[in-house]
Amino acid sequence: MTLEGLEPGRSAIITAIRWDGIADGDAKRLRALGFDAGVDISVAHRGVFGGRDPLAVRLGRTTIALRRVHAMAISVEPA
């Protein structure tokens, strides 16, 4: 399953990230923020307009706004 499909409030562990599906600059920023396999993550909120963009995700104690297209490149396993 991808992070985009994770229900708000559920925790998961990142199992893989398709870095080739993310622009180089965006991938660099996500890595700097701590996105990597084995990291605990959860969806806090989803946007309410249009395609439900962006997603607010919790990575550790940090909340990050993430585009839906990036969330679809992140594979997770519910905890």
Protein backbone atom coordinates (compact mmCIF):
# COMPACT_ATOMS: atom_id res chain seq x y z
CA MET A 1 0.00 0.00 0.00
CA THR A 2 1.13 3.57 -0.52
CA LEU A 3 1.12 6.43 1.94
CA GLU A 4 -1.62 8.08 -0.14
CA GLY A 5 -3.99 5.21 0.78
CA LEU A 6 -3.27 5.29 4.52
CA GLU A 7 -6.24 6.41 6.61
CA PRO A 8 -5.75 9.55 8.73
CA GLY A 9 -4.74 8.66 12.27
CA ARG A 10 -3.20 5.28 11.33
CA SER A 11 0.50 4.68 11.81
CA ALA A 12 2.71 2.86 9.34
CA ILE A 13 6.32 2.08 8.58
CA ILE A 14 7.88 3.20 5.31
CA THR A 15 8.96 0.07 3.43
CA ALA A 16 10.23 1.64 0.21
CA ILE A 17 10.33 4.91 -1.71
CA ARG A 18 10.32 5.09 -5.51
CA TRP A 19 12.84 7.92 -5.77
CA ASP A 20 12.75 7.75 -9.58
CA GLY A 21 9.09 8.87 -9.40
CA ILE A 22 10.01 12.08 -7.55
CA ALA A 23 11.79 15.10 -9.05
CA ASP A 24 15.44 15.39 -7.96
CA GLY A 25 14.98 18.59 -5.94
CA ASP A 26 11.90 17.22 -4.18
CA ALA A 27 13.65 13.92 -3.46
CA LYS A 28 16.59 15.75 -1.92
CA ARG A 29 14.27 17.73 0.38
CA LEU A 30 12.34 14.61 1.41
CA ARG A 31 15.58 12.81 2.28
CA ALA A 32 16.72 15.82 4.31
CA LEU A 33 13.42 15.75 6.21
CA GLY A 34 14.02 12.11 7.16
CA PHE A 35 11.97 10.13 4.64
CA ASP A 36 13.60 6.70 4.42
CA ALA A 37 12.73 3.02 4.68
CA GLY A 38 12.06 1.88 8.25
CA VAL A 39 10.76 5.25 9.47
CA ASP A 40 7.44 5.50 11.34
CA ILE A 41 4.90 7.77 9.64
CA SER A 42 1.22 8.65 9.89
CA VAL A 43 -1.29 10.78 8.00
CA ALA A 44 -2.59 13.56 10.24
CA HIS A 45 -4.96 15.28 7.76
CA ARG A 46 -5.91 15.40 4.11
CA GLY A 47 -6.72 18.45 2.05
CA VAL A 48 -10.43 18.92 1.40
CA PHE A 49 -10.37 20.51 -2.06
CA GLY A 50 -10.01 18.84 -5.44
CA GLY A 51 -7.68 15.85 -5.26
CA ARG A 52 -7.35 16.00 -1.46
CA ASP A 53 -3.96 17.66 -1.79
CA PRO A 54 -1.87 18.15 0.29
CA LEU A 55 -1.54 15.49 2.98
CA ALA A 56 -0.26 16.49 6.40
CA VAL A 57 1.98 13.65 7.57
CA ARG A 58 3.72 13.15 10.89
CA LEU A 59 7.28 11.97 10.71
CA GLY A 60 8.55 11.68 14.27
CA ARG A 61 7.50 14.89 16.03
CA THR A 62 7.35 16.90 12.79
CA THR A 63 4.27 17.55 10.66
CA ILE A 64 5.02 17.94 6.96
CA ALA A 65 2.73 18.93 4.07
CA LEU A 66 3.23 16.39 1.32
CA ARG A 67 1.87 16.35 -2.22
CA ARG A 68 -0.35 13.42 -3.08
CA VAL A 69 1.90 12.47 -6.02
CA HIS A 70 4.82 12.10 -3.59
CA ALA A 71 2.69 10.08 -1.16
CA MET A 72 1.91 7.65 -3.99
CA ALA A 73 5.66 7.00 -4.41
CA ILE A 74 6.03 5.97 -0.74
CA SER A 75 5.19 2.36 0.11
CA VAL A 76 4.11 1.70 3.69
CA GLU A 77 3.07 -1.19 5.90
CA PRO A 78 0.45 -0.37 8.55
CA ALA A 79 1.81 -0.75 12.08
